[in-house]
C-alpha atoms as a PDB file:
ATOM      1  CA  MET A   1       0.000   0.000   0.000  1.00  0.00           C
ATOM      2  CA  PRO A   2       1.315   3.431  -0.846  1.00  0.00           C
ATOM      3  CA  GLY A   3       2.133   5.673   2.055  1.00  0.00           C
ATOM      4  CA  LEU A   4       2.898   2.953   4.586  1.00  0.00           C
ATOM      5  CA  ALA A   5       6.242   3.298   6.303  1.00  0.00           C
ATOM      6  CA  SER A   6       8.533   0.328   6.467  1.00  0.00           C
ATOM      7  CA  PRO A   7       8.737  -1.217   9.935  1.00  0.00           C
ATOM      8  CA  ARG A   8      11.826  -0.440  11.985  1.00  0.00           C
ATOM      9  CA  ILE A   9      13.458  -3.778  12.616  1.00  0.00           C
ATOM     10  CA  SER A  10      16.359  -4.236  15.032  1.00  0.00           C
ATOM     11  CA  VAL A  11      18.386  -7.441  15.127  1.00  0.00           C
ATOM     12  CA  ILE A  12      20.156  -8.197  18.396  1.00  0.00           C
ATOM     13  CA  ILE A  13      23.004 -10.701  18.378  1.00  0.00           C
ATOM     14  CA  PRO A  14      24.501 -11.715  21.735  1.00  0.00           C
ATOM     15  CA  ALA A  15      28.078 -12.824  21.089  1.00  0.00           C
ATOM     16  CA  VAL A  16      31.068 -14.237  22.956  1.00  0.00           C
ATOM     17  CA  ASP A  17      34.292 -15.014  21.100  1.00  0.00           C
ATOM     18  CA  GLU A  18      32.695 -15.118  17.631  1.00  0.00           C
ATOM     19  CA  GLU A  19      35.424 -13.302  15.702  1.00  0.00           C
ATOM     20  CA  ALA A  20      35.512 -15.912  12.931  1.00  0.00           C
ATOM     21  CA  ALA A  21      31.765 -15.957  12.250  1.00  0.00           C
ATOM     22  CA  ILE A  22      30.238 -12.627  13.250  1.00  0.00           C
ATOM     23  CA  GLY A  23      31.093 -10.787  10.039  1.00  0.00           C
ATOM     24  CA  LEU A  24      29.453 -13.499   7.930  1.00  0.00           C
ATOM     25  CA  VAL A  25      26.349 -13.502  10.120  1.00  0.00           C
ATOM     26  CA  ILE A  26      25.973  -9.733   9.813  1.00  0.00           C
ATOM     27  CA  ALA A  27      26.491  -9.868   6.036  1.00  0.00           C
ATOM     28  CA  ASP A  28      23.578 -12.340   5.717  1.00  0.00           C
ATOM     29  CA  ILE A  29      21.053 -10.085   7.465  1.00  0.00           C
ATOM     30  CA  PRO A  30      18.486  -8.730   4.983  1.00  0.00           C
ATOM     31  CA  ARG A  31      18.663  -5.038   4.084  1.00  0.00           C
ATOM     32  CA  VAL A  32      15.144  -4.390   5.413  1.00  0.00           C
ATOM     33  CA  VAL A  33      16.654  -4.450   8.906  1.00  0.00           C
ATOM     34  CA  HIS A  34      17.002  -0.958  10.385  1.00  0.00           C
ATOM     35  CA  GLU A  35      19.926  -1.783  12.688  1.00  0.00           C
ATOM     36  CA  VAL A  36      22.103  -4.662  13.807  1.00  0.00           C
ATOM     37  CA  ILE A  37      23.252  -4.615  17.413  1.00  0.00           C
ATOM     38  CA  VAL A  38      25.944  -7.030  18.508  1.00  0.00           C
ATOM     39  CA  VAL A  39      26.173  -7.348  22.270  1.00  0.00           C
ATOM     40  CA  ASP A  40      29.719  -8.299  23.186  1.00  0.00           C
ATOM     41  CA  ASN A  41      29.315 -10.394  26.310  1.00  0.00           C
ATOM     42  CA  GLY A  42      32.930 -10.511  27.442  1.00  0.00           C
ATOM     43  CA  SER A  43      34.757 -11.690  24.323  1.00  0.00           C
ATOM     44  CA  ARG A  44      38.493 -12.255  24.560  1.00  0.00           C
ATOM     45  CA  ASP A  45      38.993 -11.995  20.799  1.00  0.00           C
ATOM     46  CA  ARG A  46      38.195  -9.349  18.164  1.00  0.00           C
ATOM     47  CA  THR A  47      34.438 -10.010  18.011  1.00  0.00           C
ATOM     48  CA  ALA A  48      33.544  -6.366  18.702  1.00  0.00           C
ATOM     49  CA  GLU A  49      35.985  -4.957  16.140  1.00  0.00           C
ATOM     50  CA  VAL A  50      34.896  -7.380  13.399  1.00  0.00           C
ATOM     51  CA  ALA A  51      31.209  -6.716  14.104  1.00  0.00           C
ATOM     52  CA  GLN A  52      31.689  -2.963  13.954  1.00  0.00           C
ATOM     53  CA  ALA A  53      33.677  -3.230  10.704  1.00  0.00           C
ATOM     54  CA  ALA A  54      30.795  -5.282   9.247  1.00  0.00           C
ATOM     55  CA  GLY A  55      28.358  -2.460  10.002  1.00  0.00           C
ATOM     56  CA  ALA A  56      26.876  -3.445  13.352  1.00  0.00           C
ATOM     57  CA  ARG A  57      26.578  -1.232  16.383  1.00  0.00           C
ATOM     58  CA  VAL A  58      28.423  -2.887  19.255  1.00  0.00           C
ATOM     59  CA  VAL A  59      27.196  -2.735  22.832  1.00  0.00           C
ATOM     60  CA  SER A  60      29.293  -4.117  25.673  1.00  0.00           C
ATOM     61  CA  GLU A  61      27.699  -6.180  28.449  1.00  0.00           C
ATOM     62  CA  PRO A  62      30.515  -7.400  30.705  1.00  0.00           C
ATOM     63  CA  ARG A  63      28.193  -9.367  33.008  1.00  0.00           C
ATOM     64  CA  ARG A  64      28.041 -12.843  31.519  1.00  0.00           C
ATOM     65  CA  GLY A  65      24.759 -14.413  30.500  1.00  0.00           C
ATOM     66  CA  TYR A  66      22.539 -14.725  27.448  1.00  0.00           C
ATOM     67  CA  GLY A  67      19.629 -12.976  29.162  1.00  0.00           C
ATOM     68  CA  ARG A  68      21.756 -10.048  30.267  1.00  0.00           C
ATOM     69  CA  ALA A  69      23.169  -9.684  26.760  1.00  0.00           C
ATOM     70  CA  CYS A  70      19.673  -9.736  25.233  1.00  0.00           C
ATOM     71  CA  LEU A  71      18.414  -7.121  27.697  1.00  0.00           C
ATOM     72  CA  ALA A  72      21.401  -4.877  26.959  1.00  0.00           C
ATOM     73  CA  GLY A  73      20.615  -5.131  23.249  1.00  0.00           C
ATOM     74  CA  ILE A  74      16.956  -4.314  23.786  1.00  0.00           C
ATOM     75  CA  ALA A  75      17.897  -1.291  25.890  1.00  0.00           C
ATOM     76  CA  ALA A  76      20.208  -0.063  23.123  1.00  0.00           C
ATOM     77  CA  ALA A  77      17.728  -0.534  20.262  1.00  0.00           C
ATOM     78  CA  ASP A  78      16.701   2.607  18.373  1.00  0.00           C
ATOM     79  CA  ARG A  79      12.874   2.651  18.563  1.00  0.00           C
ATOM     80  CA  PRO A  80      12.097  -0.626  16.764  1.00  0.00           C
ATOM     81  CA  ASP A  81       8.558  -1.551  15.851  1.00  0.00           C
END
């Protein structure tokens, strides 16, 4: 329908030590996505740097845990629908 705005979609990816794969994962995300947020959950490698170079916004959550990483990503999201 004409005049309808595209939905604002945020993808949140919790990650720990995913340097080898994170760039490929980000590259496979469809272009309709408004933003990609990678939550670095205490990586000891270059996960954050690779994710940022691939176009993601990186948020740090030093407290370990999948739930904590997801909540940090949700808090950082830019007004998704």
